[in-house]
Amino acid sequence: RRLRMNRMIDKRRRQLKRKVHIRKTLSGTAERPRMTVFRSNQHMYVQVIDDTIGNTLVAASTVEAEFKDLRNTVADAAKLGEAVGKRLLDKGIKAVVFDRNGYIWVTWGHIDSLYIRKHKIELLNKKIA
């Protein structure tokens, strides 16, 4: 039991190390805010933040009544990413900096699914403009 607990602590420590390393170089501006992702065991949270003034511009999560039926799956991450993209379009934001928040990037995972949806919204913006 003690060995398992140490493994979990080490896993969290490695994630925090990645998060700090990423955030050293990433920063959101008014023109291109930072989109950050947080995943708990049951829910996903996405925020778009302007770091120059410290405001959250757009947020969405599976806790909201609109997304209550979504769970912490790859397909539902894509749906949540699409909803965030639509909210960004409504606010007039055309591009964001993607902050994976220390989560490991895998091409079949939740973070990749959110990123792909964000990228599709940016491509739609370029076609419209």
N, C-alpha and C. Protein backbone atom coordinates (compact mmCIF):
# COMPACT_ATOMS: atom_id res chain seq x y z
N ARG A 1 0.83 -1.19 0.00
CA ARG A 1 0.00 0.00 0.00
C ARG A 1 0.87 1.26 0.00
N ARG A 2 1.94 1.23 0.76
CA ARG A 2 2.82 2.38 0.84
C ARG A 2 3.50 2.64 -0.52
N LEU A 3 3.88 1.57 -1.20
CA LEU A 3 4.51 1.71 -2.51
C LEU A 3 3.55 2.34 -3.51
N ARG A 4 2.29 1.96 -3.46
CA ARG A 4 1.29 2.50 -4.38
C ARG A 4 1.09 4.00 -4.13
N MET A 5 1.06 4.40 -2.89
CA MET A 5 0.89 5.81 -2.55
C MET A 5 2.08 6.64 -3.05
N ASN A 6 3.28 6.11 -2.87
CA ASN A 6 4.47 6.80 -3.37
C ASN A 6 4.42 6.97 -4.88
N ARG A 7 3.90 5.96 -5.57
CA ARG A 7 3.79 6.03 -7.02
C ARG A 7 2.83 7.14 -7.44
N MET A 8 1.73 7.29 -6.72
CA MET A 8 0.76 8.34 -7.04
C MET A 8 1.34 9.73 -6.76
N ILE A 9 2.08 9.85 -5.67
CA ILE A 9 2.71 11.12 -5.34
C ILE A 9 3.74 11.48 -6.40
N ASP A 10 4.53 10.51 -6.84
CA ASP A 10 5.52 10.75 -7.89
C ASP A 10 4.86 11.15 -9.20
N LYS A 11 3.74 10.51 -9.51
CA LYS A 11 3.02 10.84 -10.74
C LYS A 11 2.54 12.29 -10.71
N ARG A 12 1.98 12.71 -9.60
CA ARG A 12 1.51 14.10 -9.45
C ARG A 12 2.69 15.08 -9.49
N ARG A 13 3.81 14.71 -8.87
CA ARG A 13 4.99 15.57 -8.86
C ARG A 13 5.52 15.77 -10.28
N ARG A 14 5.53 14.68 -11.08
CA ARG A 14 6.00 14.80 -12.47
C ARG A 14 5.06 15.68 -13.29
N GLN A 15 3.75 15.57 -13.04
CA GLN A 15 2.80 16.42 -13.76
C GLN A 15 3.01 17.89 -13.41
N LEU A 16 3.20 18.18 -12.13
CA LEU A 16 3.44 19.57 -11.73
C LEU A 16 4.72 20.12 -12.33
N LYS A 17 5.73 19.28 -12.43
CA LYS A 17 7.00 19.69 -13.03
C LYS A 17 6.79 20.05 -14.51
N ARG A 18 6.02 19.21 -15.23
CA ARG A 18 5.72 19.51 -16.63
C ARG A 18 4.91 20.81 -16.74
N LYS A 19 3.96 20.99 -15.84
CA LYS A 19 3.09 22.17 -15.87
C LYS A 19 3.92 23.45 -15.71
N VAL A 20 4.82 23.46 -14.73
CA VAL A 20 5.66 24.63 -14.49
C VAL A 20 6.56 24.88 -15.69
N HIS A 21 7.11 23.83 -16.26
CA HIS A 21 7.99 23.97 -17.42
C HIS A 21 7.24 24.57 -18.62
N ILE A 22 6.01 24.15 -18.82
CA ILE A 22 5.20 24.66 -19.93
C ILE A 22 4.82 26.12 -19.69
N ARG A 23 4.39 26.44 -18.47
CA ARG A 23 3.91 27.78 -18.16
C ARG A 23 5.01 28.84 -18.18
N LYS A 24 6.28 28.42 -18.11
CA LYS A 24 7.38 29.38 -18.20
C LYS A 24 7.38 30.07 -19.56
N THR A 25 6.95 29.36 -20.59
CA THR A 25 7.01 29.91 -21.94
C THR A 25 5.65 30.35 -22.49
N LEU A 26 4.56 29.86 -21.91
CA LEU A 26 3.22 30.19 -22.42
C LEU A 26 2.61 31.36 -21.67
N SER A 27 1.99 32.26 -22.41
CA SER A 27 1.26 33.35 -21.80
C SER A 27 0.19 33.81 -22.77
N GLY A 28 -0.98 34.09 -22.24
CA GLY A 28 -2.07 34.53 -23.09
C GLY A 28 -2.16 36.05 -23.14
N THR A 29 -2.58 36.56 -24.28
CA THR A 29 -2.78 37.99 -24.45
C THR A 29 -4.24 38.23 -24.82
N ALA A 30 -4.61 39.49 -24.99
CA ALA A 30 -5.98 39.80 -25.36
C ALA A 30 -6.28 39.28 -26.77
N GLU A 31 -5.30 39.36 -27.68
CA GLU A 31 -5.51 38.90 -29.06
C GLU A 31 -5.47 37.39 -29.15
N ARG A 32 -4.62 36.77 -28.34
CA ARG A 32 -4.45 35.32 -28.37
C ARG A 32 -4.37 34.78 -26.93
N PRO A 33 -5.53 34.59 -26.30
CA PRO A 33 -5.52 34.14 -24.90
C PRO A 33 -5.10 32.68 -24.75
N ARG A 34 -4.85 32.28 -23.52
CA ARG A 34 -4.40 30.92 -23.21
C ARG A 34 -5.61 30.05 -22.89
N MET A 35 -5.69 28.89 -23.57
CA MET A 35 -6.75 27.93 -23.30
C MET A 35 -6.17 26.80 -22.46
N THR A 36 -6.65 26.65 -21.24
CA THR A 36 -6.13 25.65 -20.33
C THR A 36 -7.18 24.60 -20.00
N VAL A 37 -6.71 23.40 -19.73
CA VAL A 37 -7.57 22.24 -19.51
C VAL A 37 -7.28 21.66 -18.13
N PHE A 38 -8.34 21.29 -17.41
CA PHE A 38 -8.19 20.54 -16.17
C PHE A 38 -9.13 19.34 -16.21
N ARG A 39 -8.60 18.18 -15.84
CA ARG A 39 -9.41 16.96 -15.81
C ARG A 39 -9.41 16.38 -14.41
N SER A 40 -10.60 16.14 -13.88
CA SER A 40 -10.71 15.38 -12.64
C SER A 40 -11.12 13.97 -13.04
N ASN A 41 -11.42 13.13 -12.07
CA ASN A 41 -11.82 11.77 -12.40
C ASN A 41 -13.17 11.73 -13.11
N GLN A 42 -14.05 12.70 -12.82
CA GLN A 42 -15.39 12.68 -13.39
C GLN A 42 -15.64 13.77 -14.41
N HIS A 43 -14.97 14.90 -14.30
CA HIS A 43 -15.32 16.06 -15.11
C HIS A 43 -14.11 16.66 -15.82
N MET A 44 -14.41 17.49 -16.82
CA MET A 44 -13.40 18.26 -17.55
C MET A 44 -13.75 19.74 -17.46
N TYR A 45 -12.75 20.56 -17.36
CA TYR A 45 -12.94 22.00 -17.28
C TYR A 45 -12.01 22.66 -18.29
N VAL A 46 -12.52 23.62 -19.05
CA VAL A 46 -11.72 24.35 -20.02
C VAL A 46 -11.93 25.84 -19.76
N GLN A 47 -10.83 26.59 -19.68
CA GLN A 47 -10.90 28.03 -19.50
C GLN A 47 -10.02 28.71 -20.53
N VAL A 48 -10.46 29.85 -20.99
CA VAL A 48 -9.67 30.69 -21.88
C VAL A 48 -9.35 31.95 -21.10
N ILE A 49 -8.05 32.20 -20.89
CA ILE A 49 -7.61 33.22 -19.95
C ILE A 49 -6.73 34.25 -20.65
N ASP A 50 -6.99 35.53 -20.35
CA ASP A 50 -6.11 36.62 -20.78
C ASP A 50 -5.15 36.88 -19.62
N ASP A 51 -3.90 36.47 -19.75
CA ASP A 51 -2.94 36.57 -18.65
C ASP A 51 -2.46 38.00 -18.40
N THR A 52 -2.64 38.91 -19.35
CA THR A 52 -2.18 40.28 -19.12
C THR A 52 -2.99 40.97 -18.04
N ILE A 53 -4.29 40.67 -17.96
CA ILE A 53 -5.12 41.26 -16.91
C ILE A 53 -5.65 40.22 -15.92
N GLY A 54 -5.43 38.94 -16.22
CA GLY A 54 -5.81 37.88 -15.31
C GLY A 54 -7.29 37.54 -15.32
N ASN A 55 -7.98 37.77 -16.43
CA ASN A 55 -9.41 37.48 -16.52
C ASN A 55 -9.67 36.21 -17.31
N THR A 56 -10.70 35.50 -16.89
CA THR A 56 -11.18 34.36 -17.66
C THR A 56 -12.19 34.88 -18.66
N LEU A 57 -11.92 34.68 -19.95
CA LEU A 57 -12.78 35.20 -21.00
C LEU A 57 -13.92 34.24 -21.32
N VAL A 58 -13.60 32.96 -21.43
CA VAL A 58 -14.58 31.93 -21.76
C VAL A 58 -14.27 30.71 -20.90
N ALA A 59 -15.33 30.06 -20.44
CA ALA A 59 -15.15 28.83 -19.66
C ALA A 59 -16.27 27.86 -20.00
N ALA A 60 -15.95 26.58 -19.91
CA ALA A 60 -16.95 25.52 -20.09
C ALA A 60 -16.49 24.31 -19.31
N SER A 61 -17.45 23.57 -18.79
CA SER A 61 -17.11 22.36 -18.06
C SER A 61 -18.28 21.39 -18.12
N THR A 62 -18.00 20.16 -17.79
CA THR A 62 -19.05 19.14 -17.79
C THR A 62 -19.93 19.25 -16.56
N VAL A 63 -19.66 20.20 -15.68
CA VAL A 63 -20.50 20.43 -14.50
C VAL A 63 -21.72 21.28 -14.88
N GLU A 64 -21.59 22.09 -15.93
CA GLU A 64 -22.69 22.96 -16.37
C GLU A 64 -23.90 22.13 -16.78
N ALA A 65 -25.07 22.71 -16.61
CA ALA A 65 -26.32 22.01 -16.94
C ALA A 65 -26.37 21.62 -18.41
N GLU A 66 -25.82 22.47 -19.27
CA GLU A 66 -25.81 22.24 -20.72
C GLU A 66 -25.03 20.98 -21.09
N PHE A 67 -23.97 20.68 -20.33
CA PHE A 67 -23.10 19.55 -20.63
C PHE A 67 -23.17 18.46 -19.57
N LYS A 68 -24.24 18.41 -18.81
CA LYS A 68 -24.36 17.47 -17.70
C LYS A 68 -24.26 16.01 -18.14
N ASP A 69 -24.70 15.73 -19.38
CA ASP A 69 -24.66 14.34 -19.87
C ASP A 69 -23.27 13.93 -20.36
N LEU A 70 -22.34 14.87 -20.51
CA LEU A 70 -20.99 14.54 -20.96
C LEU A 70 -20.17 13.96 -19.81
N ARG A 71 -19.32 13.01 -20.14
CA ARG A 71 -18.43 12.41 -19.15
C ARG A 71 -16.98 12.67 -19.55
N ASN A 72 -16.08 12.09 -18.84
CA ASN A 72 -14.65 12.31 -19.06
C ASN A 72 -14.13 11.31 -20.09
N THR A 73 -14.63 11.42 -21.33
CA THR A 73 -14.20 10.55 -22.42
C THR A 73 -13.64 11.38 -23.55
N VAL A 74 -12.98 10.73 -24.48
CA VAL A 74 -12.36 11.43 -25.61
C VAL A 74 -13.43 12.07 -26.48
N ALA A 75 -14.50 11.35 -26.77
CA ALA A 75 -15.57 11.89 -27.61
C ALA A 75 -16.23 13.11 -26.96
N ASP A 76 -16.45 13.03 -25.66
CA ASP A 76 -17.06 14.15 -24.96
C ASP A 76 -16.10 15.33 -24.83
N ALA A 77 -14.80 15.06 -24.78
CA ALA A 77 -13.82 16.14 -24.78
C ALA A 77 -13.91 16.91 -26.09
N ALA A 78 -14.14 16.20 -27.19
CA ALA A 78 -14.29 16.87 -28.48
C ALA A 78 -15.54 17.75 -28.49
N LYS A 79 -16.62 17.27 -27.91
CA LYS A 79 -17.85 18.07 -27.84
C LYS A 79 -17.65 19.31 -26.99
N LEU A 80 -16.95 19.16 -25.88
CA LEU A 80 -16.67 20.30 -25.00
C LEU A 80 -15.77 21.30 -25.72
N GLY A 81 -14.78 20.80 -26.45
CA GLY A 81 -13.90 21.68 -27.22
C GLY A 81 -14.65 22.43 -28.30
N GLU A 82 -15.61 21.79 -28.91
CA GLU A 82 -16.43 22.45 -29.93
C GLU A 82 -17.28 23.56 -29.31
N ALA A 83 -17.82 23.30 -28.13
CA ALA A 83 -18.63 24.31 -27.44
C ALA A 83 -17.78 25.51 -27.05
N VAL A 84 -16.56 25.26 -26.59
CA VAL A 84 -15.65 26.35 -26.24
C VAL A 84 -15.32 27.16 -27.49
N GLY A 85 -15.09 26.47 -28.60
CA GLY A 85 -14.81 27.15 -29.85
C GLY A 85 -15.95 28.06 -30.29
N LYS A 86 -17.18 27.61 -30.13
CA LYS A 86 -18.33 28.45 -30.49
C LYS A 86 -18.43 29.66 -29.57
N ARG A 87 -18.15 29.47 -28.29
CA ARG A 87 -18.17 30.60 -27.35
C ARG A 87 -17.07 31.60 -27.69
N LEU A 88 -15.92 31.08 -28.14
CA LEU A 88 -14.83 31.98 -28.55
C LEU A 88 -15.24 32.79 -29.77
N LEU A 89 -15.91 32.15 -30.72
CA LEU A 89 -16.38 32.87 -31.91
C LEU A 89 -17.37 33.96 -31.53
N ASP A 90 -18.25 33.67 -30.57
CA ASP A 90 -19.21 34.67 -30.13
C ASP A 90 -18.53 35.87 -29.49
N LYS A 91 -17.41 35.65 -28.83
CA LYS A 91 -16.65 36.75 -28.21
C LYS A 91 -15.72 37.44 -29.20
N GLY A 92 -15.58 36.89 -30.40
CA GLY A 92 -14.71 37.49 -31.41
C GLY A 92 -13.25 37.10 -31.28
N ILE A 93 -12.96 36.03 -30.57
CA ILE A 93 -11.58 35.56 -30.41
C ILE A 93 -11.30 34.55 -31.50
N LYS A 94 -10.25 34.81 -32.28
CA LYS A 94 -9.98 33.98 -33.45
C LYS A 94 -8.91 32.91 -33.23
N ALA A 95 -8.03 33.10 -32.24
CA ALA A 95 -6.95 32.15 -32.02
C ALA A 95 -6.61 32.11 -30.54
N VAL A 96 -6.15 30.95 -30.07
CA VAL A 96 -5.74 30.80 -28.68
C VAL A 96 -4.42 30.04 -28.61
N VAL A 97 -3.73 30.18 -27.48
CA VAL A 97 -2.54 29.40 -27.17
C VAL A 97 -3.00 28.22 -26.32
N PHE A 98 -2.64 27.01 -26.71
CA PHE A 98 -3.14 25.82 -26.02
C PHE A 98 -2.19 25.43 -24.89
N ASP A 99 -2.70 25.39 -23.66
CA ASP A 99 -1.94 24.99 -22.49
C ASP A 99 -2.50 23.65 -22.02
N ARG A 100 -1.71 22.58 -22.17
CA ARG A 100 -2.20 21.25 -21.80
C ARG A 100 -2.12 21.00 -20.31
N ASN A 101 -1.61 21.97 -19.55
CA ASN A 101 -1.64 21.96 -18.10
C ASN A 101 -0.88 20.78 -17.48
N GLY A 102 0.19 20.36 -18.12
CA GLY A 102 1.03 19.30 -17.58
C GLY A 102 0.56 17.90 -17.92
N TYR A 103 -0.60 17.77 -18.57
CA TYR A 103 -1.07 16.44 -18.94
C TYR A 103 -0.23 15.91 -20.11
N ILE A 104 0.01 14.62 -20.11
CA ILE A 104 0.80 14.01 -21.16
C ILE A 104 0.01 14.04 -22.46
N TRP A 105 0.67 14.41 -23.54
CA TRP A 105 0.03 14.51 -24.85
C TRP A 105 0.09 13.16 -25.54
N VAL A 106 -1.07 12.59 -25.81
CA VAL A 106 -1.14 11.36 -26.59
C VAL A 106 -2.10 11.61 -27.74
N THR A 107 -1.83 11.03 -28.88
CA THR A 107 -2.60 11.35 -30.08
C THR A 107 -4.01 10.77 -30.07
N TRP A 108 -4.34 9.95 -29.10
CA TRP A 108 -5.69 9.38 -29.04
C TRP A 108 -6.44 9.85 -27.80
N GLY A 109 -5.88 10.79 -27.05
CA GLY A 109 -6.43 11.13 -25.75
C GLY A 109 -7.32 12.35 -25.72
N HIS A 110 -7.73 12.70 -24.52
CA HIS A 110 -8.64 13.81 -24.27
C HIS A 110 -8.03 15.14 -24.71
N ILE A 111 -6.77 15.36 -24.35
CA ILE A 111 -6.12 16.64 -24.63
C ILE A 111 -5.99 16.84 -26.14
N ASP A 112 -5.62 15.78 -26.84
CA ASP A 112 -5.51 15.86 -28.29
C ASP A 112 -6.86 16.15 -28.93
N SER A 113 -7.91 15.57 -28.41
CA SER A 113 -9.24 15.78 -28.94
C SER A 113 -9.67 17.24 -28.78
N LEU A 114 -9.39 17.82 -27.61
CA LEU A 114 -9.69 19.24 -27.39
C LEU A 114 -8.88 20.12 -28.33
N TYR A 115 -7.59 19.77 -28.51
CA TYR A 115 -6.73 20.57 -29.38
C TYR A 115 -7.22 20.53 -30.82
N ILE A 116 -7.63 19.37 -31.29
CA ILE A 116 -8.10 19.25 -32.67
C ILE A 116 -9.34 20.10 -32.89
N ARG A 117 -10.26 20.10 -31.94
CA ARG A 117 -11.47 20.94 -32.05
C ARG A 117 -11.10 22.41 -32.06
N LYS A 118 -10.14 22.80 -31.23
CA LYS A 118 -9.69 24.20 -31.20
C LYS A 118 -9.09 24.57 -32.56
N HIS A 119 -8.31 23.68 -33.12
CA HIS A 119 -7.66 23.93 -34.40
C HIS A 119 -8.69 24.05 -35.53
N LYS A 120 -9.73 23.22 -35.51
CA LYS A 120 -10.78 23.29 -36.52
C LYS A 120 -11.52 24.62 -36.46
N ILE A 121 -11.78 25.11 -35.24
CA ILE A 121 -12.45 26.41 -35.07
C ILE A 121 -11.57 27.52 -35.64
N GLU A 122 -10.26 27.46 -35.39
CA GLU A 122 -9.35 28.48 -35.93
C GLU A 122 -9.34 28.44 -37.46
N LEU A 123 -9.39 27.25 -38.05
CA LEU A 123 -9.42 27.15 -39.51
C LEU A 123 -10.73 27.73 -40.07
N LEU A 124 -11.83 27.48 -39.38
CA LEU A 124 -13.11 28.06 -39.80
C LEU A 124 -13.06 29.59 -39.73
N ASN A 125 -12.41 30.12 -38.71
CA ASN A 125 -12.27 31.58 -38.58
C ASN A 125 -11.50 32.16 -39.77
N LYS A 126 -10.45 31.46 -40.20
CA LYS A 126 -9.65 31.95 -41.32
C LYS A 126 -10.44 31.92 -42.61
N LYS A 127 -11.30 30.92 -42.78
CA LYS A 127 -12.13 30.85 -43.98
C LYS A 127 -13.19 31.94 -43.99
N ILE A 128 -13.76 32.26 -42.82
CA ILE A 128 -14.79 33.29 -42.72
C ILE A 128 -14.20 34.67 -42.95
N ALA A 129 -13.01 34.93 -42.37
CA ALA A 129 -12.41 36.27 -42.46
C ALA A 129 -11.85 36.56 -43.82
